[in-house]
C-alpha atoms as a PDB file:
ATOM      1  CA  MET A   1      89.485 106.822  80.934  1.00  0.00           C
ATOM      2  CA  SER A   2      88.380 108.732  83.357  1.00  0.00           C
ATOM      3  CA  LEU A   3      85.189 109.097  84.803  1.00  0.00           C
ATOM      4  CA  ILE A   4      84.184 111.640  87.522  1.00  0.00           C
ATOM      5  CA  CYS A   5      80.723 112.733  88.313  1.00  0.00           C
ATOM      6  CA  SER A   6      79.733 115.812  90.077  1.00  0.00           C
ATOM      7  CA  SER A   7      77.617 115.380  93.323  1.00  0.00           C
ATOM      8  CA  ALA A   8      74.931 117.605  94.755  1.00  0.00           C
ATOM      9  CA  GLU A   9      73.531 116.313  99.193  1.00  0.00           C
ATOM     10  CA  ARG A  10      70.674 114.507  99.546  1.00  0.00           C
ATOM     11  CA  VAL A  11      68.097 115.087 102.672  1.00  0.00           C
ATOM     12  CA  ASP A  12      65.924 112.337 102.852  1.00  0.00           C
ATOM     13  CA  PRO A  13      63.954 111.442 106.308  1.00  0.00           C
ATOM     14  CA  TYR A  14      64.945 107.669 105.438  1.00  0.00           C
ATOM     15  CA  GLY A  15      68.832 108.512 105.569  1.00  0.00           C
ATOM     16  CA  GLU A  16      71.275 109.602 102.668  1.00  0.00           C
ATOM     17  CA  LEU A  17      71.068 108.396  98.893  1.00  0.00           C
ATOM     18  CA  LYS A  18      73.773 107.620  97.168  1.00  0.00           C
ATOM     19  CA  VAL A  19      73.969 107.214  93.403  1.00  0.00           C
ATOM     20  CA  PHE A  20      76.964 105.970  91.322  1.00  0.00           C
ATOM     21  CA  ALA A  21      77.720 104.818  88.002  1.00  0.00           C
ATOM     22  CA  GLY A  22      80.374 102.982  86.228  1.00  0.00           C
ATOM     23  CA  SER A  23      81.845 103.534  82.794  1.00  0.00           C
ATOM     24  CA  ALA A  24      78.614 101.302  81.043  1.00  0.00           C
ATOM     25  CA  SER A  25      76.001 103.150  82.277  1.00  0.00           C
ATOM     26  CA  GLY A  26      76.659 106.969  82.250  1.00  0.00           C
ATOM     27  CA  SER A  27      73.539 108.598  80.328  1.00  0.00           C
ATOM     28  CA  LEU A  28      71.423 105.768  81.963  1.00  0.00           C
ATOM     29  CA  GLY A  29      72.760 106.517  85.593  1.00  0.00           C
ATOM     30  CA  ARG A  30      72.177 110.666  84.725  1.00  0.00           C
ATOM     31  CA  ALA A  31      68.709 109.958  83.549  1.00  0.00           C
ATOM     32  CA  ILE A  32      68.174 107.909  86.580  1.00  0.00           C
ATOM     33  CA  CYS A  33      69.206 110.551  89.084  1.00  0.00           C
ATOM     34  CA  ASP A  34      67.448 113.316  87.281  1.00  0.00           C
ATOM     35  CA  HIS A  35      64.388 111.599  88.047  1.00  0.00           C
ATOM     36  CA  LEU A  36      65.410 111.244  91.446  1.00  0.00           C
ATOM     37  CA  GLY A  37      66.146 115.063  91.499  1.00  0.00           C
ATOM     38  CA  THR A  38      69.862 114.225  92.849  1.00  0.00           C
ATOM     39  CA  ARG A  39      73.546 113.935  91.043  1.00  0.00           C
ATOM     40  CA  LEU A  40      75.736 111.179  90.390  1.00  0.00           C
ATOM     41  CA  ALA A  41      77.806 110.798  93.092  1.00  0.00           C
ATOM     42  CA  ASN A  42      81.657 111.132  92.692  1.00  0.00           C
ATOM     43  CA  ALA A  43      83.236 108.848  91.702  1.00  0.00           C
ATOM     44  CA  GLU A  44      86.456 107.517  89.668  1.00  0.00           C
ATOM     45  CA  THR A  45      87.176 104.788  86.805  1.00  0.00           C
ATOM     46  CA  HIS A  46      90.577 104.026  85.136  1.00  0.00           C
ATOM     47  CA  THR A  47      91.498 101.160  82.653  1.00  0.00           C
ATOM     48  CA  PHE A  48      95.803 101.237  82.939  1.00  0.00           C
ATOM     49  CA  SER A  49      97.208 100.324  80.110  1.00  0.00           C
ATOM     50  CA  GLU A  50      97.984  96.557  80.663  1.00  0.00           C
ATOM     51  CA  GLY A  51      93.761  96.320  80.269  1.00  0.00           C
ATOM     52  CA  CYS A  52      93.323  96.405  84.192  1.00  0.00           C
ATOM     53  CA  VAL A  53      90.716  98.812  86.387  1.00  0.00           C
ATOM     54  CA  PHE A  54      90.698 100.868  89.257  1.00  0.00           C
ATOM     55  CA  VAL A  55      87.543 102.526  90.895  1.00  0.00           C
ATOM     56  CA  ARG A  56      87.923 105.052  93.631  1.00  0.00           C
ATOM     57  CA  VAL A  57      84.716 106.565  95.245  1.00  0.00           C
ATOM     58  CA  LEU A  58      85.508 110.308  95.924  1.00  0.00           C
ATOM     59  CA  GLU A  59      82.990 110.627  98.891  1.00  0.00           C
ATOM     60  CA  ASN A  60      81.695 109.509 102.142  1.00  0.00           C
ATOM     61  CA  VAL A  61      79.105 106.192 101.892  1.00  0.00           C
ATOM     62  CA  ARG A  62      79.129 105.487 105.874  1.00  0.00           C
ATOM     63  CA  GLY A  63      76.239 104.286 106.428  1.00  0.00           C
ATOM     64  CA  ARG A  64      74.296 105.743 103.474  1.00  0.00           C
ATOM     65  CA  ASP A  65      72.539 103.713 101.073  1.00  0.00           C
ATOM     66  CA  VAL A  66      74.093 102.860  97.620  1.00  0.00           C
ATOM     67  CA  TYR A  67      73.259 102.543  94.049  1.00  0.00           C
ATOM     68  CA  VAL A  68      75.923 101.301  91.559  1.00  0.00           C
ATOM     69  CA  ILE A  69      74.592 101.313  88.200  1.00  0.00           C
ATOM     70  CA  GLN A  70      76.851  99.281  85.331  1.00  0.00           C
ATOM     71  CA  GLY A  71      74.952  97.293  83.101  1.00  0.00           C
ATOM     72  CA  THR A  72      77.305  94.568  81.076  1.00  0.00           C
ATOM     73  CA  GLU A  73      77.259  94.581  77.555  1.00  0.00           C
ATOM     74  CA  TYR A  74      80.121  94.868  75.476  1.00  0.00           C
ATOM     75  CA  PRO A  75      83.050  94.868  77.068  1.00  0.00           C
ATOM     76  CA  VAL A  76      81.546  92.049  79.004  1.00  0.00           C
ATOM     77  CA  ASN A  77      83.791  90.956  81.052  1.00  0.00           C
ATOM     78  CA  ASP A  78      85.423  94.411  81.677  1.00  0.00           C
ATOM     79  CA  ASN A  79      82.646  96.169  82.850  1.00  0.00           C
ATOM     80  CA  PHE A  80      81.350  93.034  84.636  1.00  0.00           C
ATOM     81  CA  MET A  81      85.329  93.294  87.511  1.00  0.00           C
ATOM     82  CA  GLU A  82      84.382  97.280  86.980  1.00  0.00           C
ATOM     83  CA  LEU A  83      80.852  96.049  88.336  1.00  0.00           C
ATOM     84  CA  LEU A  84      82.226  93.402  91.180  1.00  0.00           C
ATOM     85  CA  PHE A  85      84.427  96.334  92.007  1.00  0.00           C
ATOM     86  CA  TRP A  86      82.363  99.130  92.649  1.00  0.00           C
ATOM     87  CA  ILE A  87      80.509  97.223  94.981  1.00  0.00           C
ATOM     88  CA  ASP A  88      83.593  96.343  96.701  1.00  0.00           C
ATOM     89  CA  ALA A  89      84.688  99.683  97.605  1.00  0.00           C
ATOM     90  CA  CYS A  90      81.762 100.794  98.631  1.00  0.00           C
ATOM     91  CA  LYS A  91      81.398  98.160 100.931  1.00  0.00           C
ATOM     92  CA  ARG A  92      84.672  98.933 101.997  1.00  0.00           C
ATOM     93  CA  ALA A  93      83.882 102.361 102.512  1.00  0.00           C
ATOM     94  CA  SER A  94      81.397 101.457 104.714  1.00  0.00           C
ATOM     95  CA  ALA A  95      77.874 101.587 103.240  1.00  0.00           C
ATOM     96  CA  THR A  96      74.970 100.422 105.234  1.00  0.00           C
ATOM     97  CA  GLN A  97      73.465  98.578 102.206  1.00  0.00           C
ATOM     98  CA  VAL A  98      75.112  98.176  98.124  1.00  0.00           C
ATOM     99  CA  THR A  99      72.262  97.456  95.546  1.00  0.00           C
ATOM    100  CA  ALA A 100      74.070  96.801  92.315  1.00  0.00           C
ATOM    101  CA  VAL A 101      71.362  98.177  89.478  1.00  0.00           C
ATOM    102  CA  ILE A 102      72.393  95.988  86.903  1.00  0.00           C
ATOM    103  CA  PRO A 103      70.407  97.220  83.476  1.00  0.00           C
ATOM    104  CA  PHE A 104      71.333  94.610  81.462  1.00  0.00           C
ATOM    105  CA  PHE A 105      72.494  91.653  82.751  1.00  0.00           C
ATOM    106  CA  SER A 106      74.436  89.570  79.465  1.00  0.00           C
ATOM    107  CA  TYR A 107      75.455  86.626  80.989  1.00  0.00           C
ATOM    108  CA  ALA A 108      72.329  85.979  81.579  1.00  0.00           C
ATOM    109  CA  LYS A 109      71.776  84.221  78.654  1.00  0.00           C
ATOM    110  CA  GLY A 110      74.381  81.451  80.208  1.00  0.00           C
ATOM    111  CA  ASP A 111      70.749  80.124  82.241  1.00  0.00           C
ATOM    112  CA  LYS A 112      71.475  75.902  82.365  1.00  0.00           C
ATOM    113  CA  LYS A 113      73.292  73.334  81.559  1.00  0.00           C
ATOM    114  CA  ASP A 114      72.028  72.411  77.925  1.00  0.00           C
ATOM    115  CA  GLU A 115      74.869  70.871  76.378  1.00  0.00           C
ATOM    116  CA  PRO A 116      77.679  68.239  77.696  1.00  0.00           C
ATOM    117  CA  ARG A 117      80.417  69.961  80.017  1.00  0.00           C
ATOM    118  CA  VAL A 118      79.712  73.401  80.239  1.00  0.00           C
ATOM    119  CA  SER A 119      79.233  76.269  82.216  1.00  0.00           C
ATOM    120  CA  ILE A 120      75.894  78.103  83.996  1.00  0.00           C
ATOM    121  CA  ARG A 121      77.339  81.057  83.185  1.00  0.00           C
ATOM    122  CA  ALA A 122      74.797  83.229  84.852  1.00  0.00           C
ATOM    123  CA  ARG A 123      75.241  80.849  88.736  1.00  0.00           C
ATOM    124  CA  VAL A 124      78.755  81.932  88.611  1.00  0.00           C
ATOM    125  CA  CYS A 125      77.938  86.257  87.797  1.00  0.00           C
ATOM    126  CA  ALA A 126      75.417  86.065  90.315  1.00  0.00           C
ATOM    127  CA  ASP A 127      77.787  83.813  92.797  1.00  0.00           C
ATOM    128  CA  CYS A 128      80.450  86.755  92.308  1.00  0.00           C
ATOM    129  CA  ILE A 129      78.322  89.095  92.436  1.00  0.00           C
ATOM    130  CA  GLU A 130      77.533  88.351  96.190  1.00  0.00           C
ATOM    131  CA  ALA A 131      81.002  87.488  97.416  1.00  0.00           C
ATOM    132  CA  ALA A 132      82.107  91.098  95.564  1.00  0.00           C
ATOM    133  CA  GLY A 133      79.406  92.186  98.864  1.00  0.00           C
ATOM    134  CA  ALA A 134      75.954  93.370  96.903  1.00  0.00           C
ATOM    135  CA  ASP A 135      72.786  93.413  99.522  1.00  0.00           C
ATOM    136  CA  ARG A 136      70.415  93.103  96.551  1.00  0.00           C
ATOM    137  CA  VAL A 137      70.386  93.285  92.920  1.00  0.00           C
ATOM    138  CA  LEU A 138      67.396  95.219  90.787  1.00  0.00           C
ATOM    139  CA  THR A 139      67.604  94.161  87.061  1.00  0.00           C
ATOM    140  CA  MET A 140      65.507  94.181  83.956  1.00  0.00           C
ATOM    141  CA  ASP A 141      64.369  91.442  81.453  1.00  0.00           C
ATOM    142  CA  LEU A 142      66.851  88.852  82.249  1.00  0.00           C
ATOM    143  CA  HIS A 143      66.571  86.306  80.086  1.00  0.00           C
ATOM    144  CA  SER A 144      64.547  83.434  81.870  1.00  0.00           C
ATOM    145  CA  PRO A 145      63.247  85.659  85.608  1.00  0.00           C
ATOM    146  CA  GLN A 146      64.012  82.065  87.438  1.00  0.00           C
ATOM    147  CA  ILE A 147      68.200  83.611  87.625  1.00  0.00           C
ATOM    148  CA  GLN A 148      67.072  85.690  90.275  1.00  0.00           C
ATOM    149  CA  GLY A 149      66.633  81.299  92.041  1.00  0.00           C
ATOM    150  CA  PHE A 150      70.227  81.642  91.419  1.00  0.00           C
ATOM    151  CA  PHE A 151      71.146  84.675  94.004  1.00  0.00           C
ATOM    152  CA  ARG A 152      70.311  84.826  97.541  1.00  0.00           C
ATOM    153  CA  ILE A 153      69.852  87.807  97.861  1.00  0.00           C
ATOM    154  CA  PRO A 154      66.993  90.057  97.658  1.00  0.00           C
ATOM    155  CA  VAL A 155      66.286  90.859  93.170  1.00  0.00           C
ATOM    156  CA  ASP A 156      64.585  93.087  91.962  1.00  0.00           C
ATOM    157  CA  HIS A 157      63.228  92.779  88.540  1.00  0.00           C
ATOM    158  CA  LEU A 158      61.863  95.417  86.343  1.00  0.00           C
ATOM    159  CA  TYR A 159      60.648  94.509  82.864  1.00  0.00           C
ATOM    160  CA  ALA A 160      60.039  96.833  80.265  1.00  0.00           C
ATOM    161  CA  MET A 161      57.144  95.947  79.038  1.00  0.00           C
ATOM    162  CA  PRO A 162      55.314  99.087  80.032  1.00  0.00           C
ATOM    163  CA  VAL A 163      57.487 101.853  78.487  1.00  0.00           C
ATOM    164  CA  LEU A 164      56.977  99.418  75.070  1.00  0.00           C
ATOM    165  CA  VAL A 165      53.158  99.149  75.379  1.00  0.00           C
ATOM    166  CA  ASP A 166      52.284 103.075  75.842  1.00  0.00           C
ATOM    167  CA  TYR A 167      54.286 104.005  72.712  1.00  0.00           C
ATOM    168  CA  PHE A 168      52.434 101.536  70.938  1.00  0.00           C
ATOM    169  CA  ARG A 169      49.536 102.383  72.348  1.00  0.00           C
ATOM    170  CA  ARG A 170      49.664 105.918  71.085  1.00  0.00           C
ATOM    171  CA  LYS A 171      50.890 104.588  67.143  1.00  0.00           C
ATOM    172  CA  GLU A 172      46.964 103.082  67.018  1.00  0.00           C
ATOM    173  CA  ILE A 173      48.460 101.427  64.091  1.00  0.00           C
ATOM    174  CA  PRO A 174      45.078  99.301  62.576  1.00  0.00           C
ATOM    175  CA  ASP A 175      44.762  95.941  62.590  1.00  0.00           C
ATOM    176  CA  LEU A 176      48.058  94.979  64.738  1.00  0.00           C
ATOM    177  CA  VAL A 177      49.317  91.316  65.952  1.00  0.00           C
ATOM    178  CA  VAL A 178      51.815  90.350  67.981  1.00  0.00           C
ATOM    179  CA  ALA A 179      54.655  88.204  67.217  1.00  0.00           C
ATOM    180  CA  SER A 180      57.247  86.401  69.695  1.00  0.00           C
ATOM    181  CA  PRO A 181      59.285  84.410  67.782  1.00  0.00           C
ATOM    182  CA  ASP A 182      59.717  81.802  69.651  1.00  0.00           C
ATOM    183  CA  VAL A 183      57.722  79.662  72.709  1.00  0.00           C
ATOM    184  CA  GLY A 184      60.468  80.772  74.916  1.00  0.00           C
ATOM    185  CA  PHE A 185      58.978  84.717  75.304  1.00  0.00           C
ATOM    186  CA  GLY A 186      55.759  83.323  74.557  1.00  0.00           C
ATOM    187  CA  LYS A 187      54.121  84.224  78.187  1.00  0.00           C
ATOM    188  CA  GLN A 188      54.936  87.959  77.858  1.00  0.00           C
ATOM    189  CA  ALA A 189      54.048  88.128  73.935  1.00  0.00           C
ATOM    190  CA  TYR A 190      51.083  86.998  75.253  1.00  0.00           C
ATOM    191  CA  ARG A 191      50.907  89.640  78.142  1.00  0.00           C
ATOM    192  CA  PHE A 192      52.355  91.940  75.681  1.00  0.00           C
ATOM    193  CA  ALA A 193      48.887  91.302  73.274  1.00  0.00           C
ATOM    194  CA  GLU A 194      46.291  91.495  75.909  1.00  0.00           C
ATOM    195  CA  MET A 195      47.546  95.059  77.038  1.00  0.00           C
ATOM    196  CA  ILE A 196      47.236  95.894  73.161  1.00  0.00           C
ATOM    197  CA  GLN A 197      43.999  93.810  72.514  1.00  0.00           C
ATOM    198  CA  ALA A 198      45.920  92.496  69.373  1.00  0.00           C
ATOM    199  CA  PRO A 199      45.909  88.176  68.839  1.00  0.00           C
ATOM    200  CA  VAL A 200      49.653  86.773  68.994  1.00  0.00           C
ATOM    201  CA  VAL A 201      50.872  84.019  66.646  1.00  0.00           C
ATOM    202  CA  PHE A 202      54.490  82.915  67.068  1.00  0.00           C
ATOM    203  CA  GLY A 203      57.253  81.479  65.513  1.00  0.00           C
ATOM    204  CA  ASN A 204      59.393  77.714  65.200  1.00  0.00           C
ATOM    205  CA  LYS A 205      62.961  78.528  65.094  1.00  0.00           C
ATOM    206  CA  VAL A 206      65.619  76.934  65.708  1.00  0.00           C
ATOM    207  CA  ARG A 207      69.869  77.457  66.630  1.00  0.00           C
ATOM    208  CA  ARG A 208      72.315  74.618  64.965  1.00  0.00           C
ATOM    209  CA  ASP A 209      74.671  76.904  66.344  1.00  0.00           C
ATOM    210  CA  HIS A 210      76.624  79.092  68.206  1.00  0.00           C
ATOM    211  CA  ASP A 211      76.951  81.553  65.503  1.00  0.00           C
ATOM    212  CA  GLU A 212      74.151  83.611  66.595  1.00  0.00           C
ATOM    213  CA  LYS A 213      72.300  82.067  63.686  1.00  0.00           C
ATOM    214  CA  ALA A 214      68.687  81.809  63.829  1.00  0.00           C
ATOM    215  CA  GLU A 215      66.397  79.808  61.489  1.00  0.00           C
ATOM    216  CA  MET A 216      62.723  80.366  61.507  1.00  0.00           C
ATOM    217  CA  LEU A 217      60.837  77.084  60.035  1.00  0.00           C
ATOM    218  CA  ASP A 218      57.759  78.389  60.262  1.00  0.00           C
ATOM    219  CA  VAL A 219      55.040  80.794  61.879  1.00  0.00           C
ATOM    220  CA  VAL A 220      52.390  80.236  63.849  1.00  0.00           C
ATOM    221  CA  GLY A 221      49.125  81.830  63.149  1.00  0.00           C
ATOM    222  CA  GLU A 222      47.287  84.496  60.249  1.00  0.00           C
ATOM    223  CA  VAL A 223      49.413  87.146  60.127  1.00  0.00           C
ATOM    224  CA  LYS A 224      47.999  87.842  56.413  1.00  0.00           C
ATOM    225  CA  ASP A 225      46.838  91.157  55.804  1.00  0.00           C
ATOM    226  CA  ARG A 226      47.957  92.308  59.292  1.00  0.00           C
ATOM    227  CA  ASN A 227      50.720  94.478  60.832  1.00  0.00           C
ATOM    228  CA  VAL A 228      52.842  92.643  62.633  1.00  0.00           C
ATOM    229  CA  LEU A 229      54.802  93.571  65.904  1.00  0.00           C
ATOM    230  CA  ILE A 230      57.799  90.957  66.608  1.00  0.00           C
ATOM    231  CA  VAL A 231      58.499  91.370  70.460  1.00  0.00           C
ATOM    232  CA  ASP A 232      61.326  89.810  71.981  1.00  0.00           C
ATOM    233  CA  ASP A 233      63.613  90.180  75.296  1.00  0.00           C
ATOM    234  CA  PHE A 234      66.804  91.357  73.586  1.00  0.00           C
ATOM    235  CA  THR A 235      68.318  90.951  70.093  1.00  0.00           C
ATOM    236  CA  ILE A 236      72.456  90.801  69.461  1.00  0.00           C
ATOM    237  CA  SER A 237      72.709  90.508  65.732  1.00  0.00           C
ATOM    238  CA  GLY A 238      68.915  91.673  64.827  1.00  0.00           C
ATOM    239  CA  GLY A 239      69.053  87.904  63.243  1.00  0.00           C
ATOM    240  CA  THR A 240      65.855  87.138  64.769  1.00  0.00           C
ATOM    241  CA  LEU A 241      64.238  89.303  64.775  1.00  0.00           C
ATOM    242  CA  ILE A 242      65.267  89.801  60.881  1.00  0.00           C
ATOM    243  CA  GLU A 243      63.841  85.989  60.284  1.00  0.00           C
ATOM    244  CA  MET A 244      60.681  86.866  61.821  1.00  0.00           C
ATOM    245  CA  ALA A 245      59.683  89.360  59.559  1.00  0.00           C
ATOM    246  CA  VAL A 246      60.948  87.833  56.406  1.00  0.00           C
ATOM    247  CA  ALA A 247      58.983  85.019  57.222  1.00  0.00           C
ATOM    248  CA  CYS A 248      55.761  87.686  58.345  1.00  0.00           C
ATOM    249  CA  LYS A 249      56.632  88.996  54.894  1.00  0.00           C
ATOM    250  CA  GLN A 250      56.242  86.281  52.868  1.00  0.00           C
ATOM    251  CA  ARG A 251      52.811  84.387  54.111  1.00  0.00           C
ATOM    252  CA  GLY A 252      51.054  88.575  53.355  1.00  0.00           C
ATOM    253  CA  ALA A 253      52.055  90.828  55.472  1.00  0.00           C
ATOM    254  CA  ARG A 254      52.063  94.607  55.691  1.00  0.00           C
ATOM    255  CA  ASP A 255      53.708  96.290  58.140  1.00  0.00           C
ATOM    256  CA  ILE A 256      56.541  94.507  60.270  1.00  0.00           C
ATOM    257  CA  TYR A 257      57.669  96.409  63.695  1.00  0.00           C
ATOM    258  CA  ALA A 258      59.865  95.080  66.641  1.00  0.00           C
ATOM    259  CA  CYS A 259      60.587  96.005  70.230  1.00  0.00           C
ATOM    260  CA  VAL A 260      63.478  94.713  72.662  1.00  0.00           C
ATOM    261  CA  SER A 261      64.329  95.963  75.937  1.00  0.00           C
ATOM    262  CA  HIS A 262      67.969  95.510  75.157  1.00  0.00           C
ATOM    263  CA  GLY A 263      69.165  96.456  71.870  1.00  0.00           C
ATOM    264  CA  VAL A 264      73.042  94.749  71.699  1.00  0.00           C
ATOM    265  CA  PHE A 265      73.749  95.315  68.209  1.00  0.00           C
ATOM    266  CA  SER A 266      76.927  93.145  67.676  1.00  0.00           C
ATOM    267  CA  LYS A 267      79.086  95.070  64.925  1.00  0.00           C
ATOM    268  CA  GLY A 268      77.691  94.668  60.475  1.00  0.00           C
ATOM    269  CA  SER A 269      74.111  94.413  63.009  1.00  0.00           C
ATOM    270  CA  ALA A 270      72.650  97.778  61.936  1.00  0.00           C
ATOM    271  CA  ALA A 271      73.369  97.149  57.965  1.00  0.00           C
ATOM    272  CA  LYS A 272      71.366  94.528  58.078  1.00  0.00           C
ATOM    273  CA  LEU A 273      68.504  95.797  60.006  1.00  0.00           C
ATOM    274  CA  ALA A 274      68.177  98.984  58.008  1.00  0.00           C
ATOM    275  CA  ALA A 275      67.920  96.075  54.189  1.00  0.00           C
ATOM    276  CA  SER A 276      65.480  94.018  56.359  1.00  0.00           C
ATOM    277  CA  PRO A 277      61.516  94.741  55.983  1.00  0.00           C
ATOM    278  CA  ILE A 278      61.601  95.680  59.685  1.00  0.00           C
ATOM    279  CA  LYS A 279      59.910  99.327  58.731  1.00  0.00           C
ATOM    280  CA  GLU A 280      60.251 100.068  62.712  1.00  0.00           C
ATOM    281  CA  LEU A 281      62.719  99.369  66.357  1.00  0.00           C
ATOM    282  CA  VAL A 282      62.204 100.337  68.737  1.00  0.00           C
ATOM    283  CA  MET A 283      64.743  99.657  72.370  1.00  0.00           C
ATOM    284  CA  THR A 284      64.831 101.140  75.532  1.00  0.00           C
ATOM    285  CA  ASP A 285      68.341 102.992  76.368  1.00  0.00           C
ATOM    286  CA  THR A 286      69.210 100.357  78.840  1.00  0.00           C
ATOM    287  CA  ILE A 287      72.482  99.853  77.378  1.00  0.00           C
ATOM    288  CA  GLY A 288      74.658 102.858  75.840  1.00  0.00           C
ATOM    289  CA  TYR A 289      77.852 101.243  74.058  1.00  0.00           C
ATOM    290  CA  ARG A 290      76.908 101.187  70.145  1.00  0.00           C
ATOM    291  CA  PHE A 291      79.648  99.702  67.658  1.00  0.00           C
ATOM    292  CA  GLU A 292      78.486 101.523  65.290  1.00  0.00           C
ATOM    293  CA  PRO A 293      75.328 104.110  64.387  1.00  0.00           C
ATOM    294  CA  LEU A 294      71.866 102.757  64.877  1.00  0.00           C
ATOM    295  CA  PRO A 295      70.076 102.708  61.467  1.00  0.00           C
ATOM    296  CA  PRO A 296      67.205 105.121  61.256  1.00  0.00           C
ATOM    297  CA  CYS A 297      64.679 102.453  61.529  1.00  0.00           C
ATOM    298  CA  CYS A 298      65.788 102.147  64.853  1.00  0.00           C
ATOM    299  CA  LYS A 299      64.337 104.145  68.304  1.00  0.00           C
ATOM    300  CA  VAL A 300      64.988 104.790  71.689  1.00  0.00           C
ATOM    301  CA  VAL A 301      62.601 105.059  74.360  1.00  0.00           C
ATOM    302  CA  SER A 302      63.587 105.714  78.071  1.00  0.00           C
ATOM    303  CA  VAL A 303      63.126 103.549  81.087  1.00  0.00           C
ATOM    304  CA  ALA A 304      64.976 106.134  83.660  1.00  0.00           C
ATOM    305  CA  ASN A 305      61.535 106.827  85.601  1.00  0.00           C
ATOM    306  CA  LEU A 306      61.153 102.569  85.932  1.00  0.00           C
ATOM    307  CA  PHE A 307      64.486 102.492  87.217  1.00  0.00           C
ATOM    308  CA  ALA A 308      64.501 105.575  89.335  1.00  0.00           C
ATOM    309  CA  ASP A 309      60.600 104.358  91.190  1.00  0.00           C
ATOM    310  CA  ALA A 310      62.721 101.670  92.392  1.00  0.00           C
ATOM    311  CA  VAL A 311      65.441 102.993  93.529  1.00  0.00           C
ATOM    312  CA  MET A 312      63.347 105.203  95.600  1.00  0.00           C
ATOM    313  CA  SER A 313      60.485 102.472  95.961  1.00  0.00           C
ATOM    314  CA  ILE A 314      63.869 100.067  97.986  1.00  0.00           C
ATOM    315  CA  HIS A 315      65.403 103.460  99.537  1.00  0.00           C
ATOM    316  CA  ARG A 316      62.370 103.667 101.670  1.00  0.00           C
ATOM    317  CA  ARG A 317      61.660 100.046 101.914  1.00  0.00           C
ATOM    318  CA  GLU A 318      58.220 100.308 100.291  1.00  0.00           C
ATOM    319  CA  SER A 319      57.125  97.849  98.200  1.00  0.00           C
ATOM    320  CA  VAL A 320      59.175  97.396  94.228  1.00  0.00           C
ATOM    321  CA  SER A 321      55.646  95.077  92.735  1.00  0.00           C
ATOM    322  CA  ARG A 322      53.896  98.319  92.745  1.00  0.00           C
ATOM    323  CA  LEU A 323      56.447  98.684  90.023  1.00  0.00           C
ATOM    324  CA  PHE A 324      54.755  96.151  87.911  1.00  0.00           C
ATOM    325  CA  ASN A 325      51.034  95.800  87.635  1.00  0.00           C
ATOM    326  CA  TYR A 326      50.597  97.007  83.709  1.00  0.00           C
END
């Protein structure tokens, strides 16, 4: 597979800005560049017949401020290795600074040693990104914010919440309650509920194995005769969202909405979501790959403007924290 993008020269008092997109994030990369008022720099990605990935920078980056946009969705390992190769290629081409822009950091789920003799996968990935030569990381809604501490380089951690909150504010849903599927997302759910001026309830969820199936034991809080908005950072199979929606319906809830930052959606999830009580599921465009078409209940909103603002703030040596004032 080959990916070649057009280029445009950019004059900036802070130096020339170069934005590249790997094969996982071409659409989001182009959208980010639209907000920046530039185009993707020339680049080439090729996968050989035995599976090896080859990347090549097709223009001068010596002394430039470079941003490599590459998510780590399916195929996760291929995309992660491609990210490392892009970082290495830019550093060897004498870029002044290389920022790894990772819209979805898949291995963030492996953030702890909660079983005997297992790897802390997120830490291993952080070490690899540093070893490849990245000077900083820009990402969105890590599964656990403390993963930033796995890196010894700066990490700018964006949140999709402002975009998602704005979307549901405009819908003006009456009698709304915000629901978190578990206490792990509780702090963010409280913030979401505060911004949308709604009460919050929690699910009591348990996973008994690594089969990606969640069991909802109880819902803590009142949902009877209320419209419910389930919030979470990501969904893979839709199982947790569906279990929470069913539990709320069993307790007398009216319409069920849901929103996530990252909609992964493994094979078979589209049909399950279409048959679920969820009236509308909103996600961002951090993930470009889809195993199958999204069901009619799903809607995608863009976070390209947030990433573009963050890229420009980093490039101009300005504070990125202003983007968190929501």
